[in-house]
Amino acid sequence: DMISTTRDLNRFFAALLGGHLLPARLLDAMKTPGTPDGKYGLGLSWHDTTCKVRVYGNDGDALAYQAYSFSTEDTRRQVTIAVTPHLPDNPDKSVDAFVDQAICR
């Protein structure tokens, strides 16, 4: 668990994917699929955007919000979204569309 700002989440994923937090072998292990759908490793998930750019990150929630944070592997493009979870539907599809817009523009 991590409580932070959207800016901090961007800095965290830039440091992680930029190789500043873990040895390369451990970061590679995080990028190795560990679930049947092949989109989640050891604490790191990924999403292939509609423009064929893969982003790495994760999502999480707490009592009053949900946060989604993703970055391209080279960390040149990042997006972090915080939403309130009191929505009539799961926001994942809307967030995916927003990530696509932010990364693919």
PDB file of N, CA and C in Angstrom:
ATOM      1  N   ASP A   1       0.837  -1.181   0.000  1.00  0.00           N
ATOM      2  CA  ASP A   1       0.000   0.000   0.000  1.00  0.00           C
ATOM      3  C   ASP A   1       0.877   1.237   0.000  1.00  0.00           C
ATOM      4  N   MET A   2       0.362   2.259  -0.662  1.00  0.00           N
ATOM      5  CA  MET A   2       1.079   3.514  -0.721  1.00  0.00           C
ATOM      6  C   MET A   2       0.059   4.644  -0.749  1.00  0.00           C
ATOM      7  N   ILE A   3       0.262   5.630   0.075  1.00  0.00           N
ATOM      8  CA  ILE A   3      -0.578   6.822   0.066  1.00  0.00           C
ATOM      9  C   ILE A   3       0.291   7.947  -0.461  1.00  0.00           C
ATOM     10  N   SER A   4      -0.162   8.584  -1.531  1.00  0.00           N
ATOM     11  CA  SER A   4       0.676   9.604  -2.146  1.00  0.00           C
ATOM     12  C   SER A   4      -0.170  10.503  -3.040  1.00  0.00           C
ATOM     13  N   THR A   5       0.511  11.425  -3.675  1.00  0.00           N
ATOM     14  CA  THR A   5      -0.141  12.288  -4.656  1.00  0.00           C
ATOM     15  C   THR A   5       0.036  11.684  -6.044  1.00  0.00           C
ATOM     16  N   THR A   6      -0.693  12.208  -7.006  1.00  0.00           N
ATOM     17  CA  THR A   6      -0.521  11.727  -8.382  1.00  0.00           C
ATOM     18  C   THR A   6       0.901  12.014  -8.870  1.00  0.00           C
ATOM     19  N   ARG A   7       1.462  13.146  -8.475  1.00  0.00           N
ATOM     20  CA  ARG A   7       2.848  13.469  -8.853  1.00  0.00           C
ATOM     21  C   ARG A   7       3.822  12.441  -8.276  1.00  0.00           C
ATOM     22  N   ASP A   8       3.603  12.059  -7.018  1.00  0.00           N
ATOM     23  CA  ASP A   8       4.470  11.057  -6.401  1.00  0.00           C
ATOM     24  C   ASP A   8       4.368   9.712  -7.114  1.00  0.00           C
ATOM     25  N   LEU A   9       3.167   9.335  -7.511  1.00  0.00           N
ATOM     26  CA  LEU A   9       3.007   8.076  -8.241  1.00  0.00           C
ATOM     27  C   LEU A   9       3.771   8.119  -9.556  1.00  0.00           C
ATOM     28  N   ASN A  10       3.707   9.231 -10.274  1.00  0.00           N
ATOM     29  CA  ASN A  10       4.479   9.363 -11.509  1.00  0.00           C
ATOM     30  C   ASN A  10       5.974   9.245 -11.231  1.00  0.00           C
ATOM     31  N   ARG A  11       6.440   9.898 -10.179  1.00  0.00           N
ATOM     32  CA  ARG A  11       7.862   9.824  -9.830  1.00  0.00           C
ATOM     33  C   ARG A  11       8.259   8.405  -9.445  1.00  0.00           C
ATOM     34  N   PHE A  12       7.386   7.718  -8.707  1.00  0.00           N
ATOM     35  CA  PHE A  12       7.679   6.344  -8.305  1.00  0.00           C
ATOM     36  C   PHE A  12       7.829   5.440  -9.528  1.00  0.00           C
ATOM     37  N   PHE A  13       6.858   5.476 -10.451  1.00  0.00           N
ATOM     38  CA  PHE A  13       6.931   4.589 -11.619  1.00  0.00           C
ATOM     39  C   PHE A  13       8.070   4.980 -12.550  1.00  0.00           C
ATOM     40  N   ALA A  14       8.413   6.264 -12.638  1.00  0.00           N
ATOM     41  CA  ALA A  14       9.578   6.673 -13.431  1.00  0.00           C
ATOM     42  C   ALA A  14      10.854   6.090 -12.826  1.00  0.00           C
ATOM     43  N   ALA A  15      10.970   6.122 -11.505  1.00  0.00           N
ATOM     44  CA  ALA A  15      12.148   5.564 -10.837  1.00  0.00           C
ATOM     45  C   ALA A  15      12.186   4.044 -10.983  1.00  0.00           C
ATOM     46  N   LEU A  16      11.037   3.385 -10.815  1.00  0.00           N
ATOM     47  CA  LEU A  16      10.978   1.934 -10.936  1.00  0.00           C
ATOM     48  C   LEU A  16      11.343   1.492 -12.352  1.00  0.00           C
ATOM     49  N   LEU A  17      10.636   2.016 -13.344  1.00  0.00           N
ATOM     50  CA  LEU A  17      10.862   1.588 -14.726  1.00  0.00           C
ATOM     51  C   LEU A  17      12.184   2.100 -15.284  1.00  0.00           C
ATOM     52  N   GLY A  18      12.700   3.167 -14.696  1.00  0.00           N
ATOM     53  CA  GLY A  18      13.989   3.694 -15.115  1.00  0.00           C
ATOM     54  C   GLY A  18      15.172   2.956 -14.523  1.00  0.00           C
ATOM     55  N   GLY A  19      14.902   1.930 -13.717  1.00  0.00           N
ATOM     56  CA  GLY A  19      15.966   1.110 -13.159  1.00  0.00           C
ATOM     57  C   GLY A  19      16.655   1.698 -11.949  1.00  0.00           C
ATOM     58  N   HIS A  20      16.022   2.653 -11.277  1.00  0.00           N
ATOM     59  CA  HIS A  20      16.644   3.305 -10.128  1.00  0.00           C
ATOM     60  C   HIS A  20      16.271   2.675  -8.786  1.00  0.00           C
ATOM     61  N   LEU A  21      15.323   1.751  -8.770  1.00  0.00           N
ATOM     62  CA  LEU A  21      14.885   1.166  -7.505  1.00  0.00           C
ATOM     63  C   LEU A  21      15.286  -0.294  -7.339  1.00  0.00           C
ATOM     64  N   LEU A  22      15.372  -1.031  -8.437  1.00  0.00           N
ATOM     65  CA  LEU A  22      15.637  -2.470  -8.361  1.00  0.00           C
ATOM     66  C   LEU A  22      16.691  -2.871  -9.382  1.00  0.00           C
ATOM     67  N   PRO A  23      17.411  -3.956  -9.116  1.00  0.00           N
ATOM     68  CA  PRO A  23      18.292  -4.501 -10.145  1.00  0.00           C
ATOM     69  C   PRO A  23      17.452  -4.935 -11.364  1.00  0.00           C
ATOM     70  N   ALA A  24      18.064  -4.919 -12.528  1.00  0.00           N
ATOM     71  CA  ALA A  24      17.361  -5.239 -13.783  1.00  0.00           C
ATOM     72  C   ALA A  24      16.662  -6.596 -13.722  1.00  0.00           C
ATOM     73  N   ARG A  25      17.293  -7.588 -13.092  1.00  0.00           N
ATOM     74  CA  ARG A  25      16.677  -8.927 -13.045  1.00  0.00           C
ATOM     75  C   ARG A  25      15.365  -8.911 -12.269  1.00  0.00           C
ATOM     76  N   LEU A  26      15.269  -8.095 -11.222  1.00  0.00           N
ATOM     77  CA  LEU A  26      14.025  -8.023 -10.454  1.00  0.00           C
ATOM     78  C   LEU A  26      12.948  -7.249 -11.210  1.00  0.00           C
ATOM     79  N   LEU A  27      13.338  -6.193 -11.897  1.00  0.00           N
ATOM     80  CA  LEU A  27      12.372  -5.465 -12.714  1.00  0.00           C
ATOM     81  C   LEU A  27      11.871  -6.361 -13.847  1.00  0.00           C
ATOM     82  N   ASP A  28      12.759  -7.144 -14.445  1.00  0.00           N
ATOM     83  CA  ASP A  28      12.334  -8.100 -15.477  1.00  0.00           C
ATOM     84  C   ASP A  28      11.343  -9.110 -14.910  1.00  0.00           C
ATOM     85  N   ALA A  29      11.573  -9.559 -13.688  1.00  0.00           N
ATOM     86  CA  ALA A  29      10.649 -10.503 -13.045  1.00  0.00           C
ATOM     87  C   ALA A  29       9.283  -9.851 -12.844  1.00  0.00           C
ATOM     88  N   MET A  30       9.257  -8.566 -12.532  1.00  0.00           N
ATOM     89  CA  MET A  30       7.983  -7.864 -12.363  1.00  0.00           C
ATOM     90  C   MET A  30       7.217  -7.778 -13.675  1.00  0.00           C
ATOM     91  N   LYS A  31       7.931  -7.792 -14.804  1.00  0.00           N
ATOM     92  CA  LYS A  31       7.311  -7.693 -16.132  1.00  0.00           C
ATOM     93  C   LYS A  31       6.963  -9.064 -16.713  1.00  0.00           C
ATOM     94  N   THR A  32       7.253 -10.120 -15.981  1.00  0.00           N
ATOM     95  CA  THR A  32       6.950 -11.474 -16.438  1.00  0.00           C
ATOM     96  C   THR A  32       5.529 -11.834 -16.020  1.00  0.00           C
ATOM     97  N   PRO A  33       4.675 -12.220 -16.977  1.00  0.00           N
ATOM     98  CA  PRO A  33       3.288 -12.547 -16.626  1.00  0.00           C
ATOM     99  C   PRO A  33       3.205 -13.622 -15.556  1.00  0.00           C
ATOM    100  N   GLY A  34       2.348 -13.368 -14.581  1.00  0.00           N
ATOM    101  CA  GLY A  34       2.148 -14.323 -13.503  1.00  0.00           C
ATOM    102  C   GLY A  34       0.690 -14.684 -13.318  1.00  0.00           C
ATOM    103  N   THR A  35      -0.155 -14.228 -14.252  1.00  0.00           N
ATOM    104  CA  THR A  35      -1.583 -14.526 -14.183  1.00  0.00           C
ATOM    105  C   THR A  35      -2.021 -15.136 -15.508  1.00  0.00           C
ATOM    106  N   PRO A  36      -3.126 -15.863 -15.507  1.00  0.00           N
ATOM    107  CA  PRO A  36      -3.595 -16.509 -16.736  1.00  0.00           C
ATOM    108  C   PRO A  36      -3.820 -15.535 -17.907  1.00  0.00           C
ATOM    109  N   ASP A  37      -4.260 -14.306 -17.621  1.00  0.00           N
ATOM    110  CA  ASP A  37      -4.499 -13.365 -18.728  1.00  0.00           C
ATOM    111  C   ASP A  37      -3.206 -12.722 -19.216  1.00  0.00           C
ATOM    112  N   GLY A  38      -2.092 -12.934 -18.506  1.00  0.00           N
ATOM    113  CA  GLY A  38      -0.802 -12.454 -18.947  1.00  0.00           C
ATOM    114  C   GLY A  38      -0.609 -10.956 -18.862  1.00  0.00           C
ATOM    115  N   LYS A  39      -1.349 -10.276 -17.976  1.00  0.00           N
ATOM    116  CA  LYS A  39      -1.240  -8.821 -17.872  1.00  0.00           C
ATOM    117  C   LYS A  39      -0.856  -8.347 -16.485  1.00  0.00           C
ATOM    118  N   TYR A  40      -0.272  -9.233 -15.698  1.00  0.00           N
ATOM    119  CA  TYR A  40       0.110  -8.867 -14.344  1.00  0.00           C
ATOM    120  C   TYR A  40       1.289  -9.722 -13.921  1.00  0.00           C
ATOM    121  N   GLY A  41       2.312  -9.073 -13.365  1.00  0.00           N
ATOM    122  CA  GLY A  41       3.484  -9.777 -12.869  1.00  0.00           C
ATOM    123  C   GLY A  41       3.560  -9.662 -11.360  1.00  0.00           C
ATOM    124  N   LEU A  42       4.739  -9.460 -10.849  1.00  0.00           N
ATOM    125  CA  LEU A  42       4.959  -9.338  -9.405  1.00  0.00           C
ATOM    126  C   LEU A  42       4.733  -7.896  -8.965  1.00  0.00           C
ATOM    127  N   GLY A  43       3.487  -7.509  -8.757  1.00  0.00           N
ATOM    128  CA  GLY A  43       3.163  -6.163  -8.313  1.00  0.00           C
ATOM    129  C   GLY A  43       3.120  -5.122  -9.413  1.00  0.00           C
ATOM    130  N   LEU A  44       3.237  -5.539 -10.653  1.00  0.00           N
ATOM    131  CA  LEU A  44       3.230  -4.622 -11.782  1.00  0.00           C
ATOM    132  C   LEU A  44       2.259  -5.151 -12.830  1.00  0.00           C
ATOM    133  N   SER A  45       1.415  -4.275 -13.340  1.00  0.00           N
ATOM    134  CA  SER A  45       0.501  -4.690 -14.407  1.00  0.00           C
ATOM    135  C   SER A  45       0.828  -3.888 -15.653  1.00  0.00           C
ATOM    136  N   TRP A  46       0.244  -4.300 -16.767  1.00  0.00           N
ATOM    137  CA  TRP A  46       0.467  -3.579 -18.010  1.00  0.00           C
ATOM    138  C   TRP A  46      -0.787  -3.583 -18.852  1.00  0.00           C
ATOM    139  N   HIS A  47      -0.824  -2.622 -19.726  1.00  0.00           N
ATOM    140  CA  HIS A  47      -1.980  -2.392 -20.586  1.00  0.00           C
ATOM    141  C   HIS A  47      -1.440  -2.009 -21.952  1.00  0.00           C
ATOM    142  N   ASP A  48      -1.915  -2.681 -22.987  1.00  0.00           N
ATOM    143  CA  ASP A  48      -1.546  -2.317 -24.351  1.00  0.00           C
ATOM    144  C   ASP A  48      -2.592  -1.349 -24.876  1.00  0.00           C
ATOM    145  N   THR A  49      -2.164  -0.133 -25.179  1.00  0.00           N
ATOM    146  CA  THR A  49      -3.086   0.899 -25.639  1.00  0.00           C
ATOM    147  C   THR A  49      -3.545   0.615 -27.059  1.00  0.00           C
ATOM    148  N   THR A  50      -4.519   1.372 -27.508  1.00  0.00           N
ATOM    149  CA  THR A  50      -5.037   1.192 -28.864  1.00  0.00           C
ATOM    150  C   THR A  50      -4.006   1.571 -29.920  1.00  0.00           C
ATOM    151  N   CYS A  51      -3.005   2.373 -29.553  1.00  0.00           N
ATOM    152  CA  CYS A  51      -1.951   2.743 -30.511  1.00  0.00           C
ATOM    153  C   CYS A  51      -0.737   1.824 -30.382  1.00  0.00           C
ATOM    154  N   LYS A  52      -0.936   0.679 -29.737  1.00  0.00           N
ATOM    155  CA  LYS A  52       0.074  -0.370 -29.611  1.00  0.00           C
ATOM    156  C   LYS A  52       1.269   0.011 -28.741  1.00  0.00           C
ATOM    157  N   VAL A  53       1.072   0.944 -27.831  1.00  0.00           N
ATOM    158  CA  VAL A  53       2.113   1.302 -26.866  1.00  0.00           C
ATOM    159  C   VAL A  53       1.768   0.626 -25.547  1.00  0.00           C
ATOM    160  N   ARG A  54       2.703  -0.120 -25.006  1.00  0.00           N
ATOM    161  CA  ARG A  54       2.483  -0.789 -23.720  1.00  0.00           C
ATOM    162  C   ARG A  54       2.844   0.167 -22.594  1.00  0.00           C
ATOM    163  N   VAL A  55       1.955   0.221 -21.606  1.00  0.00           N
ATOM    164  CA  VAL A  55       2.227   1.011 -20.408  1.00  0.00           C
ATOM    165  C   VAL A  55       2.236   0.069 -19.209  1.00  0.00           C
ATOM    166  N   TYR A  56       3.098   0.396 -18.262  1.00  0.00           N
ATOM    167  CA  TYR A  56       3.244  -0.391 -17.046  1.00  0.00           C
ATOM    168  C   TYR A  56       2.807   0.444 -15.858  1.00  0.00           C
ATOM    169  N   GLY A  57       2.260  -0.201 -14.866  1.00  0.00           N
ATOM    170  CA  GLY A  57       1.858   0.512 -13.668  1.00  0.00           C
ATOM    171  C   GLY A  57       1.019  -0.371 -12.777  1.00  0.00           C
ATOM    172  N   ASN A  58       0.033   0.265 -12.159  1.00  0.00           N
ATOM    173  CA  ASN A  58      -0.858  -0.482 -11.285  1.00  0.00           C
ATOM    174  C   ASN A  58      -2.010   0.415 -10.869  1.00  0.00           C
ATOM    175  N   ASP A  59      -2.967  -0.186 -10.233  1.00  0.00           N
ATOM    176  CA  ASP A  59      -4.068   0.589  -9.673  1.00  0.00           C
ATOM    177  C   ASP A  59      -4.238   0.184  -8.218  1.00  0.00           C
ATOM    178  N   GLY A  60      -4.934   1.004  -7.509  1.00  0.00           N
ATOM    179  CA  GLY A  60      -5.162   0.697  -6.108  1.00  0.00           C
ATOM    180  C   GLY A  60      -6.311   1.519  -5.584  1.00  0.00           C
ATOM    181  N   ASP A  61      -6.801   1.134  -4.437  1.00  0.00           N
ATOM    182  CA  ASP A  61      -7.908   1.888  -3.865  1.00  0.00           C
ATOM    183  C   ASP A  61      -7.767   1.954  -2.359  1.00  0.00           C
ATOM    184  N   ALA A  62      -8.412   2.949  -1.831  1.00  0.00           N
ATOM    185  CA  ALA A  62      -8.494   3.157  -0.387  1.00  0.00           C
ATOM    186  C   ALA A  62      -9.944   3.525  -0.096  1.00  0.00           C
ATOM    187  N   LEU A  63     -10.200   3.908   1.092  1.00  0.00           N
ATOM    188  CA  LEU A  63     -11.573   4.165   1.519  1.00  0.00           C
ATOM    189  C   LEU A  63     -12.285   5.193   0.652  1.00  0.00           C
ATOM    190  N   ALA A  64     -11.612   6.234   0.224  1.00  0.00           N
ATOM    191  CA  ALA A  64     -12.311   7.329  -0.458  1.00  0.00           C
ATOM    192  C   ALA A  64     -11.901   7.550  -1.906  1.00  0.00           C
ATOM    193  N   TYR A  65     -11.013   6.740  -2.455  1.00  0.00           N
ATOM    194  CA  TYR A  65     -10.604   6.987  -3.833  1.00  0.00           C
ATOM    195  C   TYR A  65      -9.988   5.746  -4.459  1.00  0.00           C
ATOM    196  N   GLN A  66      -9.844   5.800  -5.782  1.00  0.00           N
ATOM    197  CA  GLN A  66      -9.098   4.813  -6.537  1.00  0.00           C
ATOM    198  C   GLN A  66      -8.071   5.572  -7.357  1.00  0.00           C
ATOM    199  N   ALA A  67      -6.897   5.002  -7.513  1.00  0.00           N
ATOM    200  CA  ALA A  67      -5.863   5.629  -8.317  1.00  0.00           C
ATOM    201  C   ALA A  67      -5.327   4.621  -9.327  1.00  0.00           C
ATOM    202  N   TYR A  68      -5.057   5.109 -10.514  1.00  0.00           N
ATOM    203  CA  TYR A  68      -4.493   4.317 -11.596  1.00  0.00           C
ATOM    204  C   TYR A  68      -3.266   5.076 -12.078  1.00  0.00           C
ATOM    205  N   SER A  69      -2.137   4.416 -12.181  1.00  0.00           N
ATOM    206  CA  SER A  69      -0.921   5.093 -12.615  1.00  0.00           C
ATOM    207  C   SER A  69      -0.186   4.204 -13.606  1.00  0.00           C
ATOM    208  N   PHE A  70       0.119   4.755 -14.779  1.00  0.00           N
ATOM    209  CA  PHE A  70       0.790   4.003 -15.834  1.00  0.00           C
ATOM    210  C   PHE A  70       1.850   4.861 -16.504  1.00  0.00           C
ATOM    211  N   SER A  71       2.878   4.199 -16.991  1.00  0.00           N
ATOM    212  CA  SER A  71       3.984   4.862 -17.659  1.00  0.00           C
ATOM    213  C   SER A  71       4.468   3.996 -18.802  1.00  0.00           C
ATOM    214  N   THR A  72       4.956   4.653 -19.864  1.00  0.00           N
ATOM    215  CA  THR A  72       5.621   3.885 -20.910  1.00  0.00           C
ATOM    216  C   THR A  72       6.929   3.348 -20.331  1.00  0.00           C
ATOM    217  N   GLU A  73       7.451   2.313 -20.945  1.00  0.00           N
ATOM    218  CA  GLU A  73       8.663   1.690 -20.427  1.00  0.00           C
ATOM    219  C   GLU A  73       9.827   2.678 -20.374  1.00  0.00           C
ATOM    220  N   ASP A  74       9.894   3.592 -21.339  1.00  0.00           N
ATOM    221  CA  ASP A  74      10.969   4.584 -21.328  1.00  0.00           C
ATOM    222  C   ASP A  74      10.661   5.770 -20.413  1.00  0.00           C
ATOM    223  N   THR A  75       9.508   5.763 -19.776  1.00  0.00           N
ATOM    224  CA  THR A  75       9.024   6.770 -18.808  1.00  0.00           C
ATOM    225  C   THR A  75       8.812   8.152 -19.420  1.00  0.00           C
ATOM    226  N   ARG A  76       8.796   8.256 -20.745  1.00  0.00           N
ATOM    227  CA  ARG A  76       8.603   9.560 -21.381  1.00  0.00           C
ATOM    228  C   ARG A  76       7.143  10.001 -21.354  1.00  0.00           C
ATOM    229  N   ARG A  77       6.239   9.045 -21.254  1.00  0.00           N
ATOM    230  CA  ARG A  77       4.808   9.372 -21.167  1.00  0.00           C
ATOM    231  C   ARG A  77       4.221   8.664 -19.959  1.00  0.00           C
ATOM    232  N   GLN A  78       3.501   9.445 -19.149  1.00  0.00           N
ATOM    233  CA  GLN A  78       2.902   8.904 -17.935  1.00  0.00           C
ATOM    234  C   GLN A  78       1.495   9.464 -17.776  1.00  0.00           C
ATOM    235  N   VAL A  79       0.678   8.704 -17.083  1.00  0.00           N
ATOM    236  CA  VAL A  79      -0.657   9.181 -16.740  1.00  0.00           C
ATOM    237  C   VAL A  79      -1.046   8.585 -15.387  1.00  0.00           C
ATOM    238  N   THR A  80      -1.555   9.428 -14.523  1.00  0.00           N
ATOM    239  CA  THR A  80      -2.069   8.984 -13.223  1.00  0.00           C
ATOM    240  C   THR A  80      -3.444   9.601 -13.045  1.00  0.00           C
ATOM    241  N   ILE A  81      -4.389   8.774 -12.672  1.00  0.00           N
ATOM    242  CA  ILE A  81      -5.776   9.198 -12.543  1.00  0.00           C
ATOM    243  C   ILE A  81      -6.263   8.816 -11.155  1.00  0.00           C
ATOM    244  N   ALA A  82      -6.897   9.752 -10.479  1.00  0.00           N
ATOM    245  CA  ALA A  82      -7.520   9.471  -9.189  1.00  0.00           C
ATOM    246  C   ALA A  82      -9.014   9.738  -9.325  1.00  0.00           C
ATOM    247  N   VAL A  83      -9.815   8.790  -8.895  1.00  0.00           N
ATOM    248  CA  VAL A  83     -11.275   8.927  -8.990  1.00  0.00           C
ATOM    249  C   VAL A  83     -11.906   8.523  -7.664  1.00  0.00           C
ATOM    250  N   THR A  84     -13.097   9.024  -7.436  1.00  0.00           N
ATOM    251  CA  THR A  84     -13.852   8.567  -6.277  1.00  0.00           C
ATOM    252  C   THR A  84     -14.571   7.283  -6.663  1.00  0.00           C
ATOM    253  N   PRO A  85     -14.600   6.305  -5.775  1.00  0.00           N
ATOM    254  CA  PRO A  85     -15.167   5.007  -6.132  1.00  0.00           C
ATOM    255  C   PRO A  85     -16.686   4.924  -6.040  1.00  0.00           C
ATOM    256  N   HIS A  86     -17.341   6.010  -5.724  1.00  0.00           N
ATOM    257  CA  HIS A  86     -18.794   5.962  -5.569  1.00  0.00           C
ATOM    258  C   HIS A  86     -19.482   6.190  -6.903  1.00  0.00           C
ATOM    259  N   LEU A  87     -19.171   5.334  -7.849  1.00  0.00           N
ATOM    260  CA  LEU A  87     -19.725   5.430  -9.192  1.00  0.00           C
ATOM    261  C   LEU A  87     -20.710   4.283  -9.397  1.00  0.00           C
ATOM    262  N   PRO A  88     -21.668   4.464 -10.295  1.00  0.00           N
ATOM    263  CA  PRO A  88     -22.633   3.383 -10.517  1.00  0.00           C
ATOM    264  C   PRO A  88     -22.013   2.140 -11.157  1.00  0.00           C
ATOM    265  N   ASP A  89     -20.904   2.324 -11.888  1.00  0.00           N
ATOM    266  CA  ASP A  89     -20.248   1.206 -12.555  1.00  0.00           C
ATOM    267  C   ASP A  89     -18.760   1.206 -12.224  1.00  0.00           C
ATOM    268  N   ASN A  90     -18.114   0.108 -12.520  1.00  0.00           N
ATOM    269  CA  ASN A  90     -16.670   0.015 -12.379  1.00  0.00           C
ATOM    270  C   ASN A  90     -16.038   0.999 -13.369  1.00  0.00           C
ATOM    271  N   PRO A  91     -15.108   1.856 -12.911  1.00  0.00           N
ATOM    272  CA  PRO A  91     -14.532   2.862 -13.798  1.00  0.00           C
ATOM    273  C   PRO A  91     -13.421   2.347 -14.715  1.00  0.00           C
ATOM    274  N   ASP A  92     -13.079   1.067 -14.662  1.00  0.00           N
ATOM    275  CA  ASP A  92     -11.933   0.556 -15.417  1.00  0.00           C
ATOM    276  C   ASP A  92     -11.996   0.865 -16.911  1.00  0.00           C
ATOM    277  N   LYS A  93     -13.139   0.690 -17.553  1.00  0.00           N
ATOM    278  CA  LYS A  93     -13.228   0.950 -18.996  1.00  0.00           C
ATOM    279  C   LYS A  93     -13.036   2.431 -19.304  1.00  0.00           C
ATOM    280  N   SER A  94     -13.592   3.291 -18.472  1.00  0.00           N
ATOM    281  CA  SER A  94     -13.408   4.729 -18.666  1.00  0.00           C
ATOM    282  C   SER A  94     -11.951   5.112 -18.456  1.00  0.00           C
ATOM    283  N   VAL A  95     -11.332   4.520 -17.461  1.00  0.00           N
ATOM    284  CA  VAL A  95      -9.918   4.800 -17.197  1.00  0.00           C
ATOM    285  C   VAL A  95      -9.060   4.317 -18.358  1.00  0.00           C
ATOM    286  N   ASP A  96      -9.345   3.121 -18.878  1.00  0.00           N
ATOM    287  CA  ASP A  96      -8.600   2.616 -20.036  1.00  0.00           C
ATOM    288  C   ASP A  96      -8.704   3.580 -21.215  1.00  0.00           C
ATOM    289  N   ALA A  97      -9.887   4.111 -21.461  1.00  0.00           N
ATOM    290  CA  ALA A  97     -10.071   5.075 -22.554  1.00  0.00           C
ATOM    291  C   ALA A  97      -9.271   6.349 -22.295  1.00  0.00           C
ATOM    292  N   PHE A  98      -9.239   6.791 -21.054  1.00  0.00           N
ATOM    293  CA  PHE A  98      -8.469   7.990 -20.700  1.00  0.00           C
ATOM    294  C   PHE A  98      -6.974   7.732 -20.883  1.00  0.00           C
ATOM    295  N   VAL A  99      -6.504   6.560 -20.448  1.00  0.00           N
ATOM    296  CA  VAL A  99      -5.096   6.202 -20.625  1.00  0.00           C
ATOM    297  C   VAL A  99      -4.742   6.196 -22.101  1.00  0.00           C
ATOM    298  N   ASP A 100      -5.605   5.623 -22.921  1.00  0.00           N
ATOM    299  CA  ASP A 100      -5.366   5.611 -24.367  1.00  0.00           C
ATOM    300  C   ASP A 100      -5.225   7.047 -24.904  1.00  0.00           C
ATOM    301  N   GLN A 101      -6.125   7.925 -24.495  1.00  0.00           N
ATOM    302  CA  GLN A 101      -6.060   9.314 -24.957  1.00  0.00           C
ATOM    303  C   GLN A 101      -4.772   9.987 -24.501  1.00  0.00           C
ATOM    304  N   ALA A 102      -4.386   9.777 -23.264  1.00  0.00           N
ATOM    305  CA  ALA A 102      -3.197  10.431 -22.729  1.00  0.00           C
ATOM    306  C   ALA A 102      -1.917   9.907 -23.374  1.00  0.00           C
ATOM    307  N   ILE A 103      -1.841   8.630 -23.635  1.00  0.00           N
ATOM    308  CA  ILE A 103      -0.621   8.027 -24.164  1.00  0.00           C
ATOM    309  C   ILE A 103      -0.546   8.115 -25.690  1.00  0.00           C
ATOM    310  N   CYS A 104      -1.665   7.967 -26.345  1.00  0.00           N
ATOM    311  CA  CYS A 104      -1.661   7.864 -27.817  1.00  0.00           C
ATOM    312  C   CYS A 104      -1.736   9.205 -28.543  1.00  0.00           C
ATOM    313  N   ARG A 105      -1.892  10.283 -27.845  1.00  0.00           N
ATOM    314  CA  ARG A 105      -1.969  11.590 -28.516  1.00  0.00           C
ATOM    315  C   ARG A 105      -0.649  12.018 -29.054  1.00  0.00           C
TER     316      ARG A 105
END
